[in-house]
C-alpha atoms as a PDB file:
ATOM      1  CA  UNK A   1     133.975  86.021  93.596  1.00  0.00           C
ATOM      2  CA  UNK A   2     130.691  84.495  94.741  1.00  0.00           C
ATOM      3  CA  UNK A   3     127.995  86.967  95.758  1.00  0.00           C
ATOM      4  CA  UNK A   4     125.238  86.632  98.339  1.00  0.00           C
ATOM      5  CA  UNK A   5     121.881  88.120  97.361  1.00  0.00           C
ATOM      6  CA  UNK A   6     119.027  89.477  99.453  1.00  0.00           C
ATOM      7  CA  UNK A   7     116.910  86.406 100.275  1.00  0.00           C
ATOM      8  CA  UNK A   8     113.317  86.354  99.125  1.00  0.00           C
ATOM      9  CA  UNK A   9     111.145  84.058  97.072  1.00  0.00           C
ATOM     10  CA  UNK A  10     107.651  83.011  96.161  1.00  0.00           C
ATOM     11  CA  UNK A  11     106.243  83.370  99.684  1.00  0.00           C
ATOM     12  CA  UNK A  12     107.160  87.072  99.777  1.00  0.00           C
ATOM     13  CA  UNK A  13     106.137  87.916  96.220  1.00  0.00           C
ATOM     14  CA  UNK A  14     102.821  86.036  96.407  1.00  0.00           C
ATOM     15  CA  UNK A  15     101.926  87.855  99.626  1.00  0.00           C
ATOM     16  CA  UNK A  16     102.747  91.248  98.077  1.00  0.00           C
ATOM     17  CA  UNK A  17     100.802  90.428  94.918  1.00  0.00           C
ATOM     18  CA  UNK A  18      97.741  89.508  96.973  1.00  0.00           C
ATOM     19  CA  UNK A  19      98.028  92.713  98.982  1.00  0.00           C
ATOM     20  CA  UNK A  20      98.602  95.133  96.113  1.00  0.00           C
ATOM     21  CA  UNK A  21      97.326  94.757  92.537  1.00  0.00           C
ATOM     22  CA  UNK A  22      99.603  97.427  91.017  1.00  0.00           C
ATOM     23  CA  UNK A  23     102.705  96.045  92.701  1.00  0.00           C
ATOM     24  CA  UNK A  24     101.635  92.575  91.497  1.00  0.00           C
ATOM     25  CA  UNK A  25     101.824  93.818  87.895  1.00  0.00           C
ATOM     26  CA  UNK A  26     105.302  95.223  88.541  1.00  0.00           C
ATOM     27  CA  UNK A  27     106.535  91.957  90.079  1.00  0.00           C
ATOM     28  CA  UNK A  28     105.180  89.994  87.110  1.00  0.00           C
ATOM     29  CA  UNK A  29     106.884  92.295  84.597  1.00  0.00           C
ATOM     30  CA  UNK A  30     110.269  92.514  86.297  1.00  0.00           C
ATOM     31  CA  UNK A  31     110.591  89.008  87.705  1.00  0.00           C
ATOM     32  CA  UNK A  32     113.111  88.072  90.391  1.00  0.00           C
ATOM     33  CA  UNK A  33     115.654  90.726  91.443  1.00  0.00           C
ATOM     34  CA  UNK A  34     119.143  89.793  92.618  1.00  0.00           C
ATOM     35  CA  UNK A  35     120.567  92.454  94.934  1.00  0.00           C
ATOM     36  CA  UNK A  36     123.978  91.804  96.432  1.00  0.00           C
ATOM     37  CA  UNK A  37     124.324  91.988 100.217  1.00  0.00           C
ATOM     38  CA  UNK A  38     127.420  92.345 102.405  1.00  0.00           C
ATOM     39  CA  UNK A  39     127.022  90.023 105.374  1.00  0.00           C
ATOM     40  CA  UNK A  40     129.974  91.511 107.279  1.00  0.00           C
ATOM     41  CA  UNK A  41     128.524  94.261 109.481  1.00  0.00           C
ATOM     42  CA  UNK A  42     131.816  96.098 110.004  1.00  0.00           C
ATOM     43  CA  UNK A  43     132.655  96.359 106.305  1.00  0.00           C
ATOM     44  CA  UNK A  44     129.022  97.233 105.504  1.00  0.00           C
ATOM     45  CA  UNK A  45     129.174 100.278 107.812  1.00  0.00           C
ATOM     46  CA  UNK A  46     132.496 101.404 106.320  1.00  0.00           C
ATOM     47  CA  UNK A  47     131.194 100.841 102.798  1.00  0.00           C
ATOM     48  CA  UNK A  48     128.134 102.995 103.454  1.00  0.00           C
ATOM     49  CA  UNK A  49     130.173 105.814 105.008  1.00  0.00           C
ATOM     50  CA  UNK A  50     132.443 105.820 101.942  1.00  0.00           C
ATOM     51  CA  UNK A  51     129.469 105.839  99.580  1.00  0.00           C
ATOM     52  CA  UNK A  52     127.677 108.870 100.979  1.00  0.00           C
ATOM     53  CA  UNK A  53     127.100 111.528  98.275  1.00  0.00           C
ATOM     54  CA  UNK A  54     129.320 109.834  95.659  1.00  0.00           C
ATOM     55  CA  UNK A  55     128.565 107.486  92.781  1.00  0.00           C
ATOM     56  CA  UNK A  56     128.508 103.707  93.161  1.00  0.00           C
ATOM     57  CA  UNK A  57     131.468 103.520  90.768  1.00  0.00           C
ATOM     58  CA  UNK A  58     133.526 105.940  92.886  1.00  0.00           C
ATOM     59  CA  UNK A  59     132.561 104.063  96.057  1.00  0.00           C
ATOM     60  CA  UNK A  60     133.754 100.762  94.578  1.00  0.00           C
ATOM     61  CA  UNK A  61     136.978 102.322  93.323  1.00  0.00           C
ATOM     62  CA  UNK A  62     137.825 103.629  96.818  1.00  0.00           C
ATOM     63  CA  UNK A  63     136.894 100.299  98.387  1.00  0.00           C
ATOM     64  CA  UNK A  64     139.154  98.413  95.951  1.00  0.00           C
ATOM     65  CA  UNK A  65     142.066 100.716  96.801  1.00  0.00           C
ATOM     66  CA  UNK A  66     141.496 100.104 100.527  1.00  0.00           C
ATOM     67  CA  UNK A  67     141.496  96.328 100.035  1.00  0.00           C
ATOM     68  CA  UNK A  68     144.643  96.500  97.893  1.00  0.00           C
ATOM     69  CA  UNK A  69     146.499  98.607 100.451  1.00  0.00           C
ATOM     70  CA  UNK A  70     145.202  97.174 103.747  1.00  0.00           C
ATOM     71  CA  UNK A  71     144.625  93.566 102.717  1.00  0.00           C
ATOM     72  CA  UNK A  72     141.606  93.390 104.995  1.00  0.00           C
ATOM     73  CA  UNK A  73     139.333  96.204 106.113  1.00  0.00           C
ATOM     74  CA  UNK A  74     138.804  95.859 109.852  1.00  0.00           C
ATOM     75  CA  UNK A  75     139.181  97.958 112.990  1.00  0.00           C
ATOM     76  CA  UNK A  76     142.834  97.023 113.458  1.00  0.00           C
ATOM     77  CA  UNK A  77     143.993  97.771 109.898  1.00  0.00           C
ATOM     78  CA  UNK A  78     142.091 101.056 109.715  1.00  0.00           C
ATOM     79  CA  UNK A  79     143.329 102.340 113.059  1.00  0.00           C
ATOM     80  CA  UNK A  80     146.885 101.339 112.133  1.00  0.00           C
ATOM     81  CA  UNK A  81     146.601 103.174 108.801  1.00  0.00           C
ATOM     82  CA  UNK A  82     145.528 106.441 110.426  1.00  0.00           C
ATOM     83  CA  UNK A  83     143.688 109.496 109.142  1.00  0.00           C
ATOM     84  CA  UNK A  84     146.185 110.682 106.523  1.00  0.00           C
ATOM     85  CA  UNK A  85     146.533 107.300 104.822  1.00  0.00           C
ATOM     86  CA  UNK A  86     142.782 106.674 104.815  1.00  0.00           C
ATOM     87  CA  UNK A  87     142.186 110.089 103.274  1.00  0.00           C
ATOM     88  CA  UNK A  88     144.607 109.227 100.461  1.00  0.00           C
ATOM     89  CA  UNK A  89     142.290 106.454  99.256  1.00  0.00           C
ATOM     90  CA  UNK A  90     140.064 109.252  97.962  1.00  0.00           C
ATOM     91  CA  UNK A  91     138.033 109.859 101.115  1.00  0.00           C
ATOM     92  CA  UNK A  92     137.320 113.267 102.645  1.00  0.00           C
ATOM     93  CA  UNK A  93     138.873 114.058 106.014  1.00  0.00           C
ATOM     94  CA  UNK A  94     135.392 114.118 107.530  1.00  0.00           C
ATOM     95  CA  UNK A  95     134.617 110.598 106.283  1.00  0.00           C
ATOM     96  CA  UNK A  96     138.046 109.406 107.437  1.00  0.00           C
ATOM     97  CA  UNK A  97     137.219 110.695 110.909  1.00  0.00           C
ATOM     98  CA  UNK A  98     133.838 108.919 110.848  1.00  0.00           C
ATOM     99  CA  UNK A  99     135.540 105.670 109.847  1.00  0.00           C
ATOM    100  CA  UNK A 100     138.187 105.939 112.569  1.00  0.00           C
ATOM    101  CA  UNK A 101     135.574 106.856 115.178  1.00  0.00           C
ATOM    102  CA  UNK A 102     133.571 103.720 114.321  1.00  0.00           C
ATOM    103  CA  UNK A 103     136.691 101.516 114.186  1.00  0.00           C
ATOM    104  CA  UNK A 104     137.810 102.833 117.580  1.00  0.00           C
ATOM    105  CA  UNK A 105     134.448 102.069 119.179  1.00  0.00           C
ATOM    106  CA  UNK A 106     134.501  98.538 117.794  1.00  0.00           C
ATOM    107  CA  UNK A 107     138.101  98.050 118.943  1.00  0.00           C
ATOM    108  CA  UNK A 108     137.281  99.287 122.452  1.00  0.00           C
ATOM    109  CA  UNK A 109     134.111  97.174 122.624  1.00  0.00           C
ATOM    110  CA  UNK A 110     131.919 100.262 122.898  1.00  0.00           C
ATOM    111  CA  UNK A 111     129.948  98.668 120.075  1.00  0.00           C
ATOM    112  CA  UNK A 112     129.361  94.914 120.071  1.00  0.00           C
ATOM    113  CA  UNK A 113     128.616  94.012 116.459  1.00  0.00           C
ATOM    114  CA  UNK A 114     127.486  90.495 117.345  1.00  0.00           C
ATOM    115  CA  UNK A 115     124.848  91.777 119.768  1.00  0.00           C
ATOM    116  CA  UNK A 116     123.833  94.497 117.297  1.00  0.00           C
ATOM    117  CA  UNK A 117     123.016  91.834 114.733  1.00  0.00           C
ATOM    118  CA  UNK A 118     120.625  90.217 117.210  1.00  0.00           C
ATOM    119  CA  UNK A 119     118.717  93.422 118.068  1.00  0.00           C
ATOM    120  CA  UNK A 120     115.267  94.382 116.701  1.00  0.00           C
ATOM    121  CA  UNK A 121     115.236  96.779 113.735  1.00  0.00           C
ATOM    122  CA  UNK A 122     114.399  99.920 115.717  1.00  0.00           C
ATOM    123  CA  UNK A 123     117.210  99.283 118.211  1.00  0.00           C
ATOM    124  CA  UNK A 124     119.757  98.704 115.432  1.00  0.00           C
ATOM    125  CA  UNK A 125     118.699 101.996 113.819  1.00  0.00           C
ATOM    126  CA  UNK A 126     118.988 103.813 117.154  1.00  0.00           C
ATOM    127  CA  UNK A 127     122.516 102.484 117.805  1.00  0.00           C
ATOM    128  CA  UNK A 128     123.859 103.010 114.293  1.00  0.00           C
ATOM    129  CA  UNK A 129     122.332 106.461 113.821  1.00  0.00           C
ATOM    130  CA  UNK A 130     123.960 107.584 117.076  1.00  0.00           C
ATOM    131  CA  UNK A 131     127.371 107.140 115.420  1.00  0.00           C
ATOM    132  CA  UNK A 132     129.171 110.000 113.692  1.00  0.00           C
ATOM    133  CA  UNK A 133     128.461 109.936 109.965  1.00  0.00           C
ATOM    134  CA  UNK A 134     125.573 107.449 110.173  1.00  0.00           C
ATOM    135  CA  UNK A 135     122.018 108.716 109.750  1.00  0.00           C
ATOM    136  CA  UNK A 136     118.703 106.894 109.844  1.00  0.00           C
ATOM    137  CA  UNK A 137     118.731 106.219 106.079  1.00  0.00           C
ATOM    138  CA  UNK A 138     122.203 104.665 106.208  1.00  0.00           C
ATOM    139  CA  UNK A 139     121.169 102.543 109.180  1.00  0.00           C
ATOM    140  CA  UNK A 140     118.102 101.351 107.264  1.00  0.00           C
ATOM    141  CA  UNK A 141     120.238 100.394 104.254  1.00  0.00           C
ATOM    142  CA  UNK A 142     122.566  98.412 106.530  1.00  0.00           C
ATOM    143  CA  UNK A 143     119.529  96.640 107.975  1.00  0.00           C
ATOM    144  CA  UNK A 144     118.458  95.585 104.499  1.00  0.00           C
ATOM    145  CA  UNK A 145     121.711  95.034 102.608  1.00  0.00           C
ATOM    146  CA  UNK A 146     123.779  93.572 105.442  1.00  0.00           C
ATOM    147  CA  UNK A 147     121.505  92.149 108.127  1.00  0.00           C
ATOM    148  CA  UNK A 148     118.939  91.068 105.491  1.00  0.00           C
ATOM    149  CA  UNK A 149     115.959  92.212 107.550  1.00  0.00           C
ATOM    150  CA  UNK A 150     112.667  91.495 105.730  1.00  0.00           C
ATOM    151  CA  UNK A 151     110.620  94.587 106.575  1.00  0.00           C
ATOM    152  CA  UNK A 152     112.741  97.670 105.820  1.00  0.00           C
ATOM    153  CA  UNK A 153     110.925 100.593 104.160  1.00  0.00           C
ATOM    154  CA  UNK A 154     112.771 103.908 104.115  1.00  0.00           C
ATOM    155  CA  UNK A 155     110.819 107.158 103.854  1.00  0.00           C
ATOM    156  CA  UNK A 156     114.184 108.908 103.528  1.00  0.00           C
ATOM    157  CA  UNK A 157     115.041 107.080 100.290  1.00  0.00           C
ATOM    158  CA  UNK A 158     114.281 109.319  97.305  1.00  0.00           C
ATOM    159  CA  UNK A 159     114.388 106.437  94.812  1.00  0.00           C
ATOM    160  CA  UNK A 160     111.802 104.457  96.762  1.00  0.00           C
ATOM    161  CA  UNK A 161     109.509 107.508  96.806  1.00  0.00           C
ATOM    162  CA  UNK A 162     110.042 107.979  93.074  1.00  0.00           C
ATOM    163  CA  UNK A 163     109.260 104.311  92.413  1.00  0.00           C
ATOM    164  CA  UNK A 164     106.086 104.568  94.460  1.00  0.00           C
ATOM    165  CA  UNK A 165     104.937 107.681  92.576  1.00  0.00           C
ATOM    166  CA  UNK A 166     105.506 105.806  89.321  1.00  0.00           C
ATOM    167  CA  UNK A 167     103.686 102.645  90.407  1.00  0.00           C
ATOM    168  CA  UNK A 168     100.714 104.332  92.104  1.00  0.00           C
ATOM    169  CA  UNK A 169     100.491 107.510  89.946  1.00  0.00           C
ATOM    170  CA  UNK A 170     100.836 109.847  92.939  1.00  0.00           C
ATOM    171  CA  UNK A 171     102.184 113.367  92.524  1.00  0.00           C
ATOM    172  CA  UNK A 172     103.626 113.245  96.024  1.00  0.00           C
ATOM    173  CA  UNK A 173     104.185 110.614  98.732  1.00  0.00           C
ATOM    174  CA  UNK A 174     103.826 112.256 102.123  1.00  0.00           C
ATOM    175  CA  UNK A 175     104.487 110.483 105.410  1.00  0.00           C
ATOM    176  CA  UNK A 176     100.831 109.576 105.990  1.00  0.00           C
ATOM    177  CA  UNK A 177     100.482 107.966 102.562  1.00  0.00           C
ATOM    178  CA  UNK A 178     103.835 106.225 102.940  1.00  0.00           C
ATOM    179  CA  UNK A 179     102.745 104.670 106.229  1.00  0.00           C
ATOM    180  CA  UNK A 180      99.542 103.445 104.579  1.00  0.00           C
ATOM    181  CA  UNK A 181     101.622 101.505 102.061  1.00  0.00           C
ATOM    182  CA  UNK A 182     103.977 100.299 104.796  1.00  0.00           C
ATOM    183  CA  UNK A 183     101.031  98.719 106.623  1.00  0.00           C
ATOM    184  CA  UNK A 184      99.817  97.112 103.404  1.00  0.00           C
ATOM    185  CA  UNK A 185     103.210  95.654 102.453  1.00  0.00           C
ATOM    186  CA  UNK A 186     104.345  94.542 105.932  1.00  0.00           C
ATOM    187  CA  UNK A 187     105.970  92.106 106.742  1.00  0.00           C
ATOM    188  CA  UNK A 188     107.798  92.079 103.391  1.00  0.00           C
ATOM    189  CA  UNK A 189     108.599  95.749 102.818  1.00  0.00           C
ATOM    190  CA  UNK A 190     112.229  94.941 101.961  1.00  0.00           C
ATOM    191  CA  UNK A 191     111.154  92.878  98.963  1.00  0.00           C
ATOM    192  CA  UNK A 192     108.729  95.635  97.922  1.00  0.00           C
ATOM    193  CA  UNK A 193     111.599  98.136  98.198  1.00  0.00           C
ATOM    194  CA  UNK A 194     113.637  96.144  95.670  1.00  0.00           C
ATOM    195  CA  UNK A 195     110.838  96.558  93.133  1.00  0.00           C
ATOM    196  CA  UNK A 196     110.327 100.277  93.800  1.00  0.00           C
ATOM    197  CA  UNK A 197     114.074 100.805  93.292  1.00  0.00           C
ATOM    198  CA  UNK A 198     113.938  98.840  90.048  1.00  0.00           C
ATOM    199  CA  UNK A 199     111.001 100.889  88.755  1.00  0.00           C
ATOM    200  CA  UNK A 200     112.724 104.148  89.732  1.00  0.00           C
ATOM    201  CA  UNK A 201     115.786 102.974  87.800  1.00  0.00           C
ATOM    202  CA  UNK A 202     113.801 102.466  84.598  1.00  0.00           C
ATOM    203  CA  UNK A 203     113.083  98.718  84.712  1.00  0.00           C
ATOM    204  CA  UNK A 204     109.668  99.370  83.128  1.00  0.00           C
ATOM    205  CA  UNK A 205     110.367 102.080  80.507  1.00  0.00           C
ATOM    206  CA  UNK A 206     106.737 103.057  79.948  1.00  0.00           C
ATOM    207  CA  UNK A 207     106.296 104.080  83.591  1.00  0.00           C
ATOM    208  CA  UNK A 208     106.748 107.777  84.350  1.00  0.00           C
ATOM    209  CA  UNK A 209     107.217 109.880  87.470  1.00  0.00           C
ATOM    210  CA  UNK A 210     104.052 111.825  88.351  1.00  0.00           C
ATOM    211  CA  UNK A 211     105.830 114.398  90.520  1.00  0.00           C
ATOM    212  CA  UNK A 212     105.031 117.977  89.374  1.00  0.00           C
ATOM    213  CA  UNK A 213     107.727 119.477  87.168  1.00  0.00           C
ATOM    214  CA  UNK A 214     109.793 122.301  88.681  1.00  0.00           C
ATOM    215  CA  UNK A 215     108.403 125.784  87.952  1.00  0.00           C
ATOM    216  CA  UNK A 216     111.370 126.713  85.728  1.00  0.00           C
ATOM    217  CA  UNK A 217     110.941 123.566  83.615  1.00  0.00           C
ATOM    218  CA  UNK A 218     107.219 124.260  83.183  1.00  0.00           C
ATOM    219  CA  UNK A 219     107.981 127.798  82.045  1.00  0.00           C
ATOM    220  CA  UNK A 220     110.513 126.513  79.499  1.00  0.00           C
ATOM    221  CA  UNK A 221     107.914 124.111  78.127  1.00  0.00           C
ATOM    222  CA  UNK A 222     105.456 126.999  77.677  1.00  0.00           C
ATOM    223  CA  UNK A 223     108.050 129.019  75.779  1.00  0.00           C
END
């Protein structure tokens, strides 16, 4: 199966390197990052609902079962399957309801996915986060990993905040500091996000998280 990756190249990385010396060092060390995107907006929404609060492996396992059983994951096949059958793929009843609610709105043209894809970022976030089971963070991830928007930077993403603490040696990234970096890295925050995720995941082993240790852990160290 051929994958599509988030599109970025030398123009984006050279701009970020000029804007930020520490991020430049990270980009040089890690090199190009291939992150798979799902260009189908309907399946991307379903995929993200499934993946909430479970591992990537579990998410993929459920998705594979859905494909095997339904053949194609779309509004028609999901609505025909119904709540009980969807739940049997390994999905909670609450998530099954979220999925059916979204599928019903697409089927009834309450949501026009084609027009959604043409909207500005803030409008897409507003529409998606108004749906049951979709929050701002999920909407931002759909913007980046489905619609391939170039300037997505999520304050609600714990891994991005961790990566930033590691790169910039901050103990904490509050909203004001986050927005300072957003201004610096715009209009290519999505590409910067890929590198913060990579750092948070251990791509540069010598980098550490500067967040203060929990009180209990500090006490154990003293003992």
